[in-house]
Amino acid sequence: MALDKAQVVLALKAVLQEALDAVERMAAMARDETTSGETRAEGKYDTRATEASYLARGQAWRIAELRKLSAWFETFSVDRPFDPCTVRVGALVELTGDQDETVFVAPIGGTKAEVDGQIVRVISLASPMGSAMAQLEATDAFEVDTPRGMLNFEIVSVH
């Protein structure tokens, strides 16, 4: 069943905002932890403050990635002319094969949303799946090497 691309984009924007809010709250807690008196080293093997700083740095990186993706979605327009022939950034792709999936190709991947009972994953062209299907068209087949083994897919449609 083909999903409405505008509906998918709205759902992804909402999920991104929720994720960004949550990660920003967690990052604030991690930053507080790095400067807390309770994490001060009590000996040379006490690494709580160092571990808290690593966590804060990781959260800051994730916030930056989510902000970039969110900014891209804010400038993305489903009304802009789009050649639906090939898989590229901005494409909503329906797949069948070892797993039936719907993916949205964006500059940065790593999130998903449920739309009309279907999960839509956001992937980038740098991901194994994205690079395997870049520039392919509907009815083209491809395979992706995953940690669980090789998966085979066929592109049902590109919107």
N, C-alpha and C. Protein backbone atom coordinates (compact mmCIF):
# COMPACT_ATOMS: atom_id res chain seq x y z
N MET A 1 0.85 -1.18 0.00
CA MET A 1 0.00 0.00 0.00
C MET A 1 0.89 1.24 0.00
N ALA A 2 0.67 2.11 -0.94
CA ALA A 2 1.48 3.33 -1.06
C ALA A 2 1.06 4.33 0.01
N LEU A 3 2.04 4.85 0.71
CA LEU A 3 1.80 5.87 1.73
C LEU A 3 1.83 7.25 1.10
N ASP A 4 1.13 8.19 1.70
CA ASP A 4 1.16 9.57 1.26
C ASP A 4 2.46 10.20 1.75
N LYS A 5 3.28 10.69 0.82
CA LYS A 5 4.60 11.21 1.16
C LYS A 5 4.50 12.40 2.11
N ALA A 6 3.52 13.28 1.91
CA ALA A 6 3.36 14.45 2.79
C ALA A 6 3.05 14.00 4.21
N GLN A 7 2.25 12.97 4.35
CA GLN A 7 1.91 12.43 5.67
C GLN A 7 3.16 11.81 6.32
N VAL A 8 3.96 11.14 5.54
CA VAL A 8 5.20 10.54 6.04
C VAL A 8 6.15 11.63 6.55
N VAL A 9 6.31 12.69 5.78
CA VAL A 9 7.20 13.78 6.17
C VAL A 9 6.71 14.43 7.46
N LEU A 10 5.41 14.67 7.59
CA LEU A 10 4.86 15.25 8.83
C LEU A 10 5.12 14.34 10.03
N ALA A 11 4.92 13.04 9.85
CA ALA A 11 5.15 12.09 10.94
C ALA A 11 6.63 12.06 11.33
N LEU A 12 7.51 12.09 10.34
CA LEU A 12 8.95 12.08 10.63
C LEU A 12 9.39 13.35 11.34
N LYS A 13 8.83 14.49 10.96
CA LYS A 13 9.14 15.75 11.63
C LYS A 13 8.74 15.68 13.10
N ALA A 14 7.56 15.14 13.37
CA ALA A 14 7.08 15.04 14.76
C ALA A 14 7.97 14.11 15.58
N VAL A 15 8.34 12.98 15.01
CA VAL A 15 9.21 12.03 15.71
C VAL A 15 10.57 12.65 15.97
N LEU A 16 11.10 13.37 14.99
CA LEU A 16 12.40 14.03 15.17
C LEU A 16 12.36 15.04 16.30
N GLN A 17 11.28 15.82 16.37
CA GLN A 17 11.19 16.82 17.43
C GLN A 17 11.11 16.17 18.81
N GLU A 18 10.34 15.08 18.91
CA GLU A 18 10.28 14.34 20.18
C GLU A 18 11.64 13.79 20.57
N ALA A 19 12.34 13.21 19.60
CA ALA A 19 13.66 12.64 19.87
C ALA A 19 14.64 13.73 20.27
N LEU A 20 14.60 14.86 19.60
CA LEU A 20 15.49 15.96 19.91
C LEU A 20 15.24 16.48 21.32
N ASP A 21 13.98 16.64 21.69
CA ASP A 21 13.64 17.09 23.05
C ASP A 21 14.17 16.11 24.10
N ALA A 22 13.97 14.82 23.85
CA ALA A 22 14.41 13.80 24.81
C ALA A 22 15.93 13.77 24.94
N VAL A 23 16.63 13.82 23.81
CA VAL A 23 18.09 13.77 23.85
C VAL A 23 18.66 15.02 24.50
N GLU A 24 18.04 16.17 24.25
CA GLU A 24 18.51 17.40 24.90
C GLU A 24 18.34 17.32 26.42
N ARG A 25 17.24 16.73 26.88
CA ARG A 25 17.06 16.54 28.34
C ARG A 25 18.13 15.61 28.89
N MET A 26 18.39 14.52 28.19
CA MET A 26 19.41 13.56 28.65
C MET A 26 20.80 14.19 28.62
N ALA A 27 21.07 15.01 27.62
CA ALA A 27 22.37 15.66 27.52
C ALA A 27 22.57 16.64 28.68
N ALA A 28 21.52 17.34 29.05
CA ALA A 28 21.62 18.27 30.18
C ALA A 28 21.94 17.50 31.46
N MET A 29 21.30 16.34 31.63
CA MET A 29 21.59 15.52 32.81
C MET A 29 23.03 15.02 32.78
N ALA A 30 23.51 14.62 31.60
CA ALA A 30 24.89 14.13 31.48
C ALA A 30 25.89 15.25 31.76
N ARG A 31 25.60 16.46 31.27
CA ARG A 31 26.49 17.60 31.56
C ARG A 31 26.52 17.90 33.05
N ASP A 32 25.35 17.85 33.70
CA ASP A 32 25.30 18.08 35.14
C ASP A 32 26.11 17.03 35.89
N GLU A 33 26.04 15.81 35.40
CA GLU A 33 26.77 14.70 36.04
C GLU A 33 28.29 14.91 35.95
N THR A 34 28.77 15.47 34.85
CA THR A 34 30.22 15.66 34.70
C THR A 34 30.78 16.65 35.70
N THR A 35 29.96 17.58 36.16
CA THR A 35 30.43 18.61 37.10
C THR A 35 29.93 18.38 38.52
N SER A 36 29.21 17.32 38.73
CA SER A 36 28.66 17.02 40.05
C SER A 36 29.77 16.62 41.02
N GLY A 37 29.60 17.01 42.24
CA GLY A 37 30.56 16.63 43.28
C GLY A 37 30.60 15.13 43.51
N GLU A 38 29.50 14.45 43.21
CA GLU A 38 29.44 13.00 43.42
C GLU A 38 30.26 12.22 42.40
N THR A 39 30.59 12.85 41.28
CA THR A 39 31.39 12.13 40.28
C THR A 39 32.87 12.48 40.37
N ARG A 40 33.22 13.32 41.31
CA ARG A 40 34.63 13.68 41.50
C ARG A 40 35.42 12.40 41.81
N ALA A 41 36.57 12.29 41.19
CA ALA A 41 37.40 11.09 41.35
C ALA A 41 37.84 10.94 42.81
N GLU A 42 37.66 9.73 43.33
CA GLU A 42 38.08 9.43 44.70
C GLU A 42 39.38 8.63 44.71
N GLY A 43 39.90 8.38 43.55
CA GLY A 43 41.15 7.63 43.42
C GLY A 43 41.52 7.57 41.95
N LYS A 44 42.72 7.05 41.68
CA LYS A 44 43.18 7.07 40.30
C LYS A 44 42.40 6.11 39.40
N TYR A 45 41.65 5.17 39.96
CA TYR A 45 40.87 4.24 39.15
C TYR A 45 39.40 4.62 39.09
N ASP A 46 39.03 5.72 39.68
CA ASP A 46 37.64 6.19 39.66
C ASP A 46 37.43 7.02 38.40
N THR A 47 36.65 6.49 37.48
CA THR A 47 36.49 7.13 36.17
C THR A 47 35.07 7.64 35.93
N ARG A 48 34.30 7.84 36.99
CA ARG A 48 32.91 8.27 36.80
C ARG A 48 32.81 9.59 36.04
N ALA A 49 33.62 10.57 36.35
CA ALA A 49 33.57 11.87 35.68
C ALA A 49 33.97 11.74 34.20
N THR A 50 34.97 10.92 33.94
CA THR A 50 35.39 10.70 32.55
C THR A 50 34.28 10.03 31.76
N GLU A 51 33.66 9.01 32.35
CA GLU A 51 32.57 8.32 31.67
C GLU A 51 31.39 9.25 31.44
N ALA A 52 31.09 10.10 32.40
CA ALA A 52 29.99 11.07 32.24
C ALA A 52 30.31 12.05 31.11
N SER A 53 31.58 12.45 30.99
CA SER A 53 31.94 13.38 29.91
C SER A 53 31.83 12.71 28.55
N TYR A 54 32.17 11.41 28.46
CA TYR A 54 32.00 10.68 27.20
C TYR A 54 30.52 10.62 26.83
N LEU A 55 29.67 10.36 27.81
CA LEU A 55 28.23 10.31 27.57
C LEU A 55 27.72 11.67 27.10
N ALA A 56 28.16 12.74 27.75
CA ALA A 56 27.73 14.09 27.37
C ALA A 56 28.19 14.40 25.94
N ARG A 57 29.40 14.00 25.57
CA ARG A 57 29.90 14.24 24.23
C ARG A 57 29.09 13.46 23.19
N GLY A 58 28.77 12.22 23.51
CA GLY A 58 27.94 11.41 22.60
C GLY A 58 26.55 12.01 22.42
N GLN A 59 25.98 12.50 23.51
CA GLN A 59 24.67 13.13 23.43
C GLN A 59 24.74 14.41 22.59
N ALA A 60 25.79 15.18 22.73
CA ALA A 60 25.96 16.41 21.94
C ALA A 60 26.06 16.07 20.46
N TRP A 61 26.77 14.99 20.13
CA TRP A 61 26.87 14.57 18.73
C TRP A 61 25.50 14.18 18.20
N ARG A 62 24.72 13.43 18.98
CA ARG A 62 23.38 13.00 18.54
C ARG A 62 22.47 14.21 18.37
N ILE A 63 22.56 15.19 19.26
CA ILE A 63 21.76 16.41 19.14
C ILE A 63 22.11 17.12 17.83
N ALA A 64 23.38 17.23 17.52
CA ALA A 64 23.80 17.89 16.28
C ALA A 64 23.23 17.16 15.06
N GLU A 65 23.28 15.83 15.06
CA GLU A 65 22.75 15.05 13.95
C GLU A 65 21.23 15.23 13.82
N LEU A 66 20.52 15.18 14.95
CA LEU A 66 19.07 15.37 14.91
C LEU A 66 18.70 16.78 14.45
N ARG A 67 19.46 17.77 14.86
CA ARG A 67 19.19 19.15 14.42
C ARG A 67 19.42 19.29 12.91
N LYS A 68 20.48 18.68 12.39
CA LYS A 68 20.74 18.73 10.95
C LYS A 68 19.59 18.09 10.18
N LEU A 69 19.16 16.91 10.63
CA LEU A 69 18.08 16.21 9.95
C LEU A 69 16.78 16.99 10.05
N SER A 70 16.51 17.54 11.22
CA SER A 70 15.30 18.34 11.42
C SER A 70 15.33 19.58 10.51
N ALA A 71 16.47 20.24 10.40
CA ALA A 71 16.59 21.41 9.53
C ALA A 71 16.37 21.02 8.08
N TRP A 72 16.89 19.86 7.68
CA TRP A 72 16.69 19.41 6.31
C TRP A 72 15.21 19.18 6.04
N PHE A 73 14.52 18.53 6.97
CA PHE A 73 13.08 18.28 6.80
C PHE A 73 12.30 19.59 6.74
N GLU A 74 12.74 20.61 7.46
CA GLU A 74 12.05 21.91 7.42
C GLU A 74 12.17 22.54 6.04
N THR A 75 13.25 22.30 5.34
CA THR A 75 13.41 22.89 4.00
C THR A 75 12.88 21.97 2.91
N PHE A 76 12.63 20.71 3.24
CA PHE A 76 12.14 19.75 2.26
C PHE A 76 10.68 20.03 1.96
N SER A 77 10.35 20.04 0.71
CA SER A 77 8.97 20.28 0.29
C SER A 77 8.50 19.13 -0.59
N VAL A 78 7.39 18.53 -0.21
CA VAL A 78 6.84 17.45 -1.03
C VAL A 78 6.21 18.01 -2.30
N ASP A 79 6.01 19.34 -2.35
CA ASP A 79 5.43 19.97 -3.54
C ASP A 79 6.48 20.30 -4.59
N ARG A 80 7.75 20.29 -4.21
CA ARG A 80 8.84 20.57 -5.15
C ARG A 80 8.89 19.46 -6.20
N PRO A 81 9.12 19.80 -7.45
CA PRO A 81 9.20 18.76 -8.47
C PRO A 81 10.25 17.70 -8.09
N PHE A 82 9.86 16.46 -8.24
CA PHE A 82 10.74 15.34 -7.88
C PHE A 82 10.59 14.27 -8.93
N ASP A 83 11.69 13.86 -9.51
CA ASP A 83 11.66 12.78 -10.49
C ASP A 83 11.60 11.46 -9.73
N PRO A 84 10.44 10.82 -9.74
CA PRO A 84 10.30 9.60 -8.93
C PRO A 84 10.90 8.35 -9.55
N CYS A 85 11.76 8.53 -10.52
CA CYS A 85 12.30 7.35 -11.20
C CYS A 85 13.38 6.63 -10.41
N THR A 86 14.31 7.38 -9.80
CA THR A 86 15.45 6.73 -9.16
C THR A 86 15.49 7.02 -7.67
N VAL A 87 16.13 6.12 -6.95
CA VAL A 87 16.30 6.28 -5.51
C VAL A 87 17.39 7.31 -5.27
N ARG A 88 17.05 8.35 -4.53
CA ARG A 88 18.01 9.39 -4.15
C ARG A 88 17.44 10.11 -2.93
N VAL A 89 18.16 11.09 -2.40
CA VAL A 89 17.70 11.83 -1.22
C VAL A 89 16.34 12.45 -1.53
N GLY A 90 15.41 12.25 -0.61
CA GLY A 90 14.05 12.75 -0.76
C GLY A 90 13.07 11.71 -1.25
N ALA A 91 13.56 10.52 -1.54
CA ALA A 91 12.69 9.47 -2.08
C ALA A 91 12.04 8.66 -0.96
N LEU A 92 10.78 8.32 -1.16
CA LEU A 92 10.06 7.37 -0.31
C LEU A 92 10.03 6.08 -1.11
N VAL A 93 10.64 5.03 -0.58
CA VAL A 93 10.86 3.80 -1.34
C VAL A 93 10.18 2.63 -0.65
N GLU A 94 9.36 1.92 -1.41
CA GLU A 94 8.72 0.70 -0.90
C GLU A 94 9.51 -0.49 -1.41
N LEU A 95 9.83 -1.40 -0.49
CA LEU A 95 10.66 -2.57 -0.81
C LEU A 95 9.93 -3.86 -0.46
N THR A 96 10.23 -4.88 -1.21
CA THR A 96 9.76 -6.22 -0.89
C THR A 96 10.95 -7.16 -1.01
N GLY A 97 10.82 -8.34 -0.46
CA GLY A 97 11.91 -9.30 -0.52
C GLY A 97 12.00 -10.06 0.78
N ASP A 98 13.24 -10.24 1.28
CA ASP A 98 13.43 -10.95 2.54
C ASP A 98 12.68 -10.24 3.67
N GLN A 99 12.54 -8.93 3.57
CA GLN A 99 11.76 -8.12 4.50
C GLN A 99 11.01 -7.08 3.66
N ASP A 100 9.72 -6.89 3.93
CA ASP A 100 8.99 -5.80 3.29
C ASP A 100 9.23 -4.56 4.13
N GLU A 101 9.66 -3.48 3.48
CA GLU A 101 9.99 -2.26 4.21
C GLU A 101 9.60 -1.04 3.39
N THR A 102 9.40 0.06 4.11
CA THR A 102 9.27 1.36 3.48
C THR A 102 10.34 2.24 4.10
N VAL A 103 11.15 2.87 3.26
CA VAL A 103 12.23 3.72 3.75
C VAL A 103 12.12 5.10 3.10
N PHE A 104 12.54 6.10 3.85
CA PHE A 104 12.64 7.45 3.33
C PHE A 104 14.12 7.78 3.30
N VAL A 105 14.62 8.21 2.16
CA VAL A 105 16.05 8.50 2.00
C VAL A 105 16.29 9.98 2.32
N ALA A 106 17.13 10.24 3.30
CA ALA A 106 17.45 11.60 3.74
C ALA A 106 18.97 11.74 3.84
N PRO A 107 19.46 12.95 4.06
CA PRO A 107 20.92 13.12 4.18
C PRO A 107 21.51 12.39 5.38
N ILE A 108 20.71 12.23 6.43
CA ILE A 108 21.14 11.56 7.66
C ILE A 108 20.04 10.58 8.05
N GLY A 109 20.40 9.38 8.38
CA GLY A 109 19.40 8.39 8.76
C GLY A 109 19.35 8.21 10.26
N GLY A 110 18.60 7.18 10.66
CA GLY A 110 18.62 6.81 12.06
C GLY A 110 17.37 7.08 12.85
N THR A 111 16.25 7.28 12.20
CA THR A 111 15.00 7.44 12.93
C THR A 111 13.92 6.69 12.18
N LYS A 112 12.76 6.60 12.77
CA LYS A 112 11.64 5.94 12.11
C LYS A 112 10.34 6.49 12.68
N ALA A 113 9.27 6.30 11.91
CA ALA A 113 7.95 6.75 12.34
C ALA A 113 6.92 5.74 11.84
N GLU A 114 5.81 5.68 12.54
CA GLU A 114 4.70 4.84 12.10
C GLU A 114 3.68 5.71 11.40
N VAL A 115 3.31 5.30 10.19
CA VAL A 115 2.32 6.02 9.39
C VAL A 115 1.32 5.00 8.87
N ASP A 116 0.07 5.20 9.21
CA ASP A 116 -1.00 4.28 8.78
C ASP A 116 -0.65 2.82 9.07
N GLY A 117 -0.08 2.58 10.25
CA GLY A 117 0.24 1.21 10.66
C GLY A 117 1.52 0.65 10.06
N GLN A 118 2.22 1.42 9.25
CA GLN A 118 3.47 0.97 8.64
C GLN A 118 4.64 1.74 9.24
N ILE A 119 5.72 1.04 9.49
CA ILE A 119 6.95 1.69 9.97
C ILE A 119 7.72 2.20 8.76
N VAL A 120 8.10 3.47 8.83
CA VAL A 120 8.94 4.07 7.79
C VAL A 120 10.28 4.41 8.44
N ARG A 121 11.35 3.79 7.95
CA ARG A 121 12.69 4.08 8.46
C ARG A 121 13.34 5.15 7.61
N VAL A 122 14.09 6.03 8.25
CA VAL A 122 14.88 7.03 7.54
C VAL A 122 16.29 6.48 7.42
N ILE A 123 16.78 6.42 6.18
CA ILE A 123 18.14 5.95 5.92
C ILE A 123 18.86 7.00 5.09
N SER A 124 20.16 6.93 5.09
CA SER A 124 20.95 7.81 4.23
C SER A 124 21.57 6.98 3.11
N LEU A 125 22.03 7.67 2.10
CA LEU A 125 22.70 6.96 1.01
C LEU A 125 24.04 6.39 1.44
N ALA A 126 24.55 6.84 2.60
CA ALA A 126 25.81 6.31 3.13
C ALA A 126 25.61 4.98 3.85
N SER A 127 24.37 4.65 4.19
CA SER A 127 24.11 3.38 4.87
C SER A 127 24.28 2.23 3.88
N PRO A 128 24.48 1.02 4.39
CA PRO A 128 24.61 -0.13 3.47
C PRO A 128 23.41 -0.27 2.54
N MET A 129 22.19 -0.12 3.09
CA MET A 129 21.00 -0.25 2.24
C MET A 129 20.92 0.91 1.25
N GLY A 130 21.16 2.12 1.75
CA GLY A 130 21.08 3.30 0.88
C GLY A 130 22.07 3.23 -0.27
N SER A 131 23.30 2.85 0.02
CA SER A 131 24.29 2.78 -1.06
C SER A 131 23.98 1.64 -2.03
N ALA A 132 23.37 0.56 -1.55
CA ALA A 132 23.03 -0.56 -2.43
C ALA A 132 21.91 -0.21 -3.39
N MET A 133 21.01 0.68 -2.98
CA MET A 133 19.88 0.99 -3.87
C MET A 133 19.95 2.38 -4.51
N ALA A 134 21.03 3.11 -4.27
CA ALA A 134 21.18 4.44 -4.88
C ALA A 134 21.08 4.35 -6.40
N GLN A 135 20.30 5.23 -6.96
CA GLN A 135 20.11 5.36 -8.41
C GLN A 135 19.35 4.19 -9.04
N LEU A 136 18.83 3.26 -8.24
CA LEU A 136 18.03 2.18 -8.80
C LEU A 136 16.61 2.67 -9.02
N GLU A 137 15.83 1.91 -9.78
CA GLU A 137 14.46 2.27 -10.11
C GLU A 137 13.51 1.17 -9.65
N ALA A 138 12.21 1.45 -9.76
CA ALA A 138 11.19 0.45 -9.44
C ALA A 138 11.44 -0.79 -10.28
N THR A 139 11.24 -1.93 -9.68
CA THR A 139 11.45 -3.29 -10.21
C THR A 139 12.91 -3.73 -10.18
N ASP A 140 13.85 -2.84 -9.85
CA ASP A 140 15.25 -3.26 -9.71
C ASP A 140 15.42 -4.05 -8.41
N ALA A 141 16.31 -5.02 -8.45
CA ALA A 141 16.61 -5.84 -7.27
C ALA A 141 18.02 -5.50 -6.79
N PHE A 142 18.23 -5.69 -5.48
CA PHE A 142 19.55 -5.47 -4.91
C PHE A 142 19.68 -6.30 -3.65
N GLU A 143 20.91 -6.41 -3.15
CA GLU A 143 21.14 -7.15 -1.91
C GLU A 143 21.99 -6.30 -0.98
N VAL A 144 21.79 -6.57 0.31
CA VAL A 144 22.50 -5.82 1.35
C VAL A 144 23.14 -6.82 2.30
N ASP A 145 24.42 -6.63 2.56
CA ASP A 145 25.12 -7.47 3.52
C ASP A 145 24.89 -6.89 4.91
N THR A 146 24.25 -7.65 5.78
CA THR A 146 23.93 -7.20 7.14
C THR A 146 24.60 -8.14 8.14
N PRO A 147 24.62 -7.75 9.41
CA PRO A 147 25.19 -8.65 10.42
C PRO A 147 24.47 -10.00 10.50
N ARG A 148 23.21 -10.02 10.05
CA ARG A 148 22.44 -11.27 10.06
C ARG A 148 22.56 -12.03 8.75
N GLY A 149 23.39 -11.54 7.85
CA GLY A 149 23.56 -12.20 6.56
C GLY A 149 23.06 -11.33 5.42
N MET A 150 23.11 -11.88 4.23
CA MET A 150 22.72 -11.17 3.02
C MET A 150 21.19 -11.12 2.94
N LEU A 151 20.64 -9.90 2.68
CA LEU A 151 19.21 -9.73 2.49
C LEU A 151 18.96 -9.27 1.06
N ASN A 152 17.94 -9.83 0.44
CA ASN A 152 17.58 -9.49 -0.94
C ASN A 152 16.31 -8.65 -0.95
N PHE A 153 16.30 -7.62 -1.79
CA PHE A 153 15.16 -6.73 -1.90
C PHE A 153 14.85 -6.45 -3.36
N GLU A 154 13.62 -6.06 -3.60
CA GLU A 154 13.20 -5.52 -4.89
C GLU A 154 12.47 -4.21 -4.61
N ILE A 155 12.74 -3.21 -5.42
CA ILE A 155 12.08 -1.92 -5.26
C ILE A 155 10.70 -2.00 -5.90
N VAL A 156 9.67 -1.80 -5.08
CA VAL A 156 8.29 -1.82 -5.55
C VAL A 156 7.94 -0.48 -6.18
N SER A 157 8.26 0.60 -5.46
CA SER A 157 7.96 1.93 -5.99
C SER A 157 8.89 2.97 -5.38
N VAL A 158 9.05 4.08 -6.10
CA VAL A 158 9.84 5.22 -5.65
C VAL A 158 8.94 6.45 -5.79
N HIS A 159 8.73 7.15 -4.68
CA HIS A 159 7.88 8.36 -4.71
C HIS A 159 8.71 9.56 -4.32
